[in-house]
Protein backbone atom coordinates (compact mmCIF):
# COMPACT_ATOMS: atom_id res chain seq x y z
CA MET A 1 94.91 103.82 55.13
CA ASN A 2 93.68 105.79 58.13
CA VAL A 3 92.14 103.59 60.79
CA GLU A 4 89.93 105.38 63.29
CA GLY A 5 87.65 104.60 66.19
CA ILE A 6 87.54 101.15 67.72
CA PHE A 7 89.74 99.75 64.95
CA SER A 8 92.68 101.94 66.01
CA THR A 9 92.59 100.07 69.33
CA LEU A 10 92.83 96.78 67.46
CA LYS A 11 95.72 98.06 65.37
CA THR A 12 97.61 99.29 68.44
CA SER A 13 97.04 96.01 70.28
CA PHE A 14 98.15 94.05 67.23
CA SER A 15 101.33 96.13 67.13
CA GLY A 16 101.92 95.24 70.78
CA LEU A 17 101.32 91.56 70.05
CA LEU A 18 103.91 91.58 67.28
CA THR A 19 106.44 93.27 69.54
CA GLN A 20 105.87 90.79 72.36
CA MET A 21 106.08 87.84 69.96
CA LYS A 22 109.46 89.06 68.70
CA LYS A 23 110.67 89.46 72.27
CA LEU A 24 109.54 85.92 73.12
CA GLU A 25 111.41 84.57 70.07
CA VAL A 26 114.61 86.31 71.20
CA ILE A 27 114.20 85.12 74.81
CA SER A 28 113.66 81.51 73.69
CA GLU A 29 116.78 81.70 71.51
CA ASN A 30 118.75 83.01 74.50
CA ILE A 31 117.51 80.22 76.76
CA ALA A 32 118.30 77.60 74.11
CA ASN A 33 121.89 78.85 73.88
CA ALA A 34 122.49 79.63 77.56
CA GLU A 35 124.80 76.69 78.23
CA ARG A 36 126.82 76.94 75.02
CA VAL A 37 130.56 77.05 75.34
CA ALA A 38 132.91 78.73 72.89
CA ASP A 39 133.32 77.09 69.48
CA ASN A 40 136.68 76.04 67.99
CA LYS A 41 137.38 79.65 66.94
CA GLY A 42 136.64 81.00 70.43
CA ASN A 43 133.31 82.61 69.48
CA VAL A 44 130.69 82.54 72.20
CA TYR A 45 126.92 83.03 71.81
CA GLN A 46 126.03 86.60 72.80
CA ARG A 47 122.81 87.39 74.65
CA LYS A 48 120.28 89.14 72.41
CA VAL A 49 117.60 91.65 73.35
CA VAL A 50 114.99 93.66 71.44
CA LYS A 51 115.65 97.39 71.45
CA GLN A 52 113.41 100.23 70.31
CA LEU A 53 115.29 102.45 67.87
CA ASN A 54 112.81 105.35 67.81
CA PRO A 55 112.09 106.25 71.46
CA SER A 56 109.93 109.24 70.44
CA VAL A 57 107.26 106.80 69.21
CA ARG A 58 105.12 105.45 72.03
CA SER A 59 105.92 101.86 72.72
CA PRO A 60 103.11 99.34 73.30
CA ARG A 61 105.10 98.30 76.34
CA GLU A 62 105.21 101.73 77.94
CA PHE A 63 102.83 100.69 80.74
CA GLY A 64 104.89 97.56 81.39
CA ASP A 65 108.02 99.65 81.82
CA HIS A 66 106.40 101.37 84.80
CA MET A 67 105.46 98.02 86.32
CA THR A 68 108.91 96.40 86.27
CA LEU A 69 110.27 95.19 89.55
CA SER A 70 113.32 96.69 91.13
CA LEU A 71 115.56 93.93 92.46
CA ARG A 72 118.46 94.26 94.83
CA LYS A 73 121.65 92.83 93.41
CA SER A 74 124.61 91.58 95.38
CA ASN A 75 126.62 91.51 92.15
CA SER A 76 126.02 93.86 89.21
CA SER A 77 126.45 90.99 86.73
CA HIS A 78 123.58 88.95 88.19
CA LEU A 79 120.81 90.83 86.41
CA SER A 80 121.97 93.12 83.65
CA GLY A 81 119.82 95.87 82.15
CA ILE A 82 117.91 95.36 78.93
CA LYS A 83 119.67 96.73 75.89
CA GLN A 84 118.88 94.84 72.31
CA PRO A 85 118.27 92.31 62.17
CA GLY A 86 115.43 94.79 62.65
CA PHE A 87 111.75 95.15 61.86
CA SER A 88 109.19 97.89 62.24
CA ILE A 89 105.61 98.15 63.40
CA SER A 90 103.23 101.00 62.61
CA ASN A 91 101.28 102.35 65.54
CA SER A 92 97.85 104.01 65.45
CA ASN A 93 99.38 107.37 64.45
CA ASN A 94 101.01 105.77 61.36
CA GLU A 95 104.44 106.34 62.89
CA GLU A 96 106.94 103.57 62.55
CA GLN A 97 108.19 101.96 65.71
CA GLN A 98 111.62 100.59 64.86
CA LEU A 99 112.67 97.47 66.75
CA LYS A 100 116.01 95.77 66.38
CA VAL A 101 117.58 92.65 67.81
CA VAL A 102 120.92 93.58 69.35
CA GLU A 103 123.64 91.38 70.80
CA ILE A 104 125.01 92.27 74.23
CA GLU A 105 128.69 91.56 74.28
CA GLY A 106 130.21 89.68 77.14
CA VAL A 107 131.47 86.31 78.26
CA LYS A 108 130.77 84.31 81.38
CA ARG A 109 133.87 82.53 82.66
CA ILE A 110 133.18 79.31 84.57
CA TYR A 111 135.81 77.39 86.50
CA ASP A 112 135.72 73.82 85.16
CA PRO A 113 139.21 72.33 84.81
CA SER A 114 137.77 68.95 83.72
CA ASN A 115 136.22 70.51 80.59
CA PRO A 116 138.29 69.85 77.44
CA GLN A 117 137.79 73.48 76.36
CA ALA A 118 139.18 74.91 79.60
CA ASP A 119 142.12 77.29 79.34
CA GLU A 120 145.42 76.84 81.23
CA ASN A 121 143.79 78.26 84.40
CA GLY A 122 140.79 75.89 84.19
CA TYR A 123 138.22 78.46 83.01
CA VAL A 124 135.72 77.91 80.21
CA ASN A 125 134.21 80.79 78.22
CA MET A 126 130.43 80.47 78.06
CA SER A 127 127.48 82.51 76.86
CA ASN A 128 126.57 85.63 78.87
CA VAL A 129 122.92 84.51 79.11
CA ASN A 130 121.48 84.34 82.62
CA ILE A 131 118.61 81.82 82.72
CA LEU A 132 116.96 83.52 85.73
CA GLU A 133 116.97 86.89 84.01
CA GLU A 134 115.55 85.39 80.80
CA MET A 135 112.75 83.59 82.68
CA VAL A 136 111.76 86.80 84.50
CA GLU A 137 111.74 88.68 81.20
CA MET A 138 109.70 85.88 79.58
CA ILE A 139 107.04 86.13 82.30
CA SER A 140 106.90 89.91 81.90
CA VAL A 141 106.59 89.69 78.11
CA SER A 142 103.94 86.97 78.27
CA ARG A 143 101.88 89.11 80.69
CA ALA A 144 102.12 92.05 78.28
CA TYR A 145 101.05 89.73 75.47
CA GLU A 146 98.05 88.57 77.51
CA ALA A 147 97.12 92.19 78.25
CA ASN A 148 97.14 93.00 74.52
CA VAL A 149 94.94 89.97 73.82
CA SER A 150 92.51 91.14 76.52
CA VAL A 151 92.35 94.63 74.99
CA MET A 152 91.68 93.14 71.56
CA THR A 153 88.93 90.92 72.97
CA ALA A 154 87.28 93.86 74.73
CA ALA A 155 87.51 96.03 71.59
CA LYS A 156 85.97 93.24 69.52
CA GLN A 157 83.12 92.90 72.01
CA ILE A 158 82.54 96.66 71.98
CA ALA A 159 82.42 96.60 68.17
CA LYS A 160 79.89 93.71 68.25
CA ASN A 161 77.72 95.52 70.76
CA THR A 162 77.88 98.69 68.68
CA LEU A 163 76.53 96.83 65.67
CA LYS A 164 73.53 95.63 67.74
CA ILE A 165 72.41 99.23 68.38
């Protein structure tokens, strides 16, 4: 089905809303598992991010990418870059935007000799999730979500006003 005119705006905004919702789900899962230590087999929760598989398709977040803040880091592991089972969203040009949830491998080693799971040197393997980084990303994603809702509201109002003519 070919959607044209004001309805293509709604479709594009809806695509952006779905993307942002998926990102918020992944961020909340990361935050929930941030303090997890390794299980009995030594497996640690890996940070997950949403990654776009088809970069040639315009992302609904393209504007947000230009607005990201550049932060100075004293340690490169403080704020790592965003890299991320998959789903797809069709944009207004009927192209599929492929999104996939990807795990970022890594372990955070914390010195805690009193922990029963500590190794012989007193270190505990924990999840590589950084709460600060996840909270910043959550704020960014929620702002993008709000922007998509605003666009949808404006498009709806334009459509209503058009019908009055």
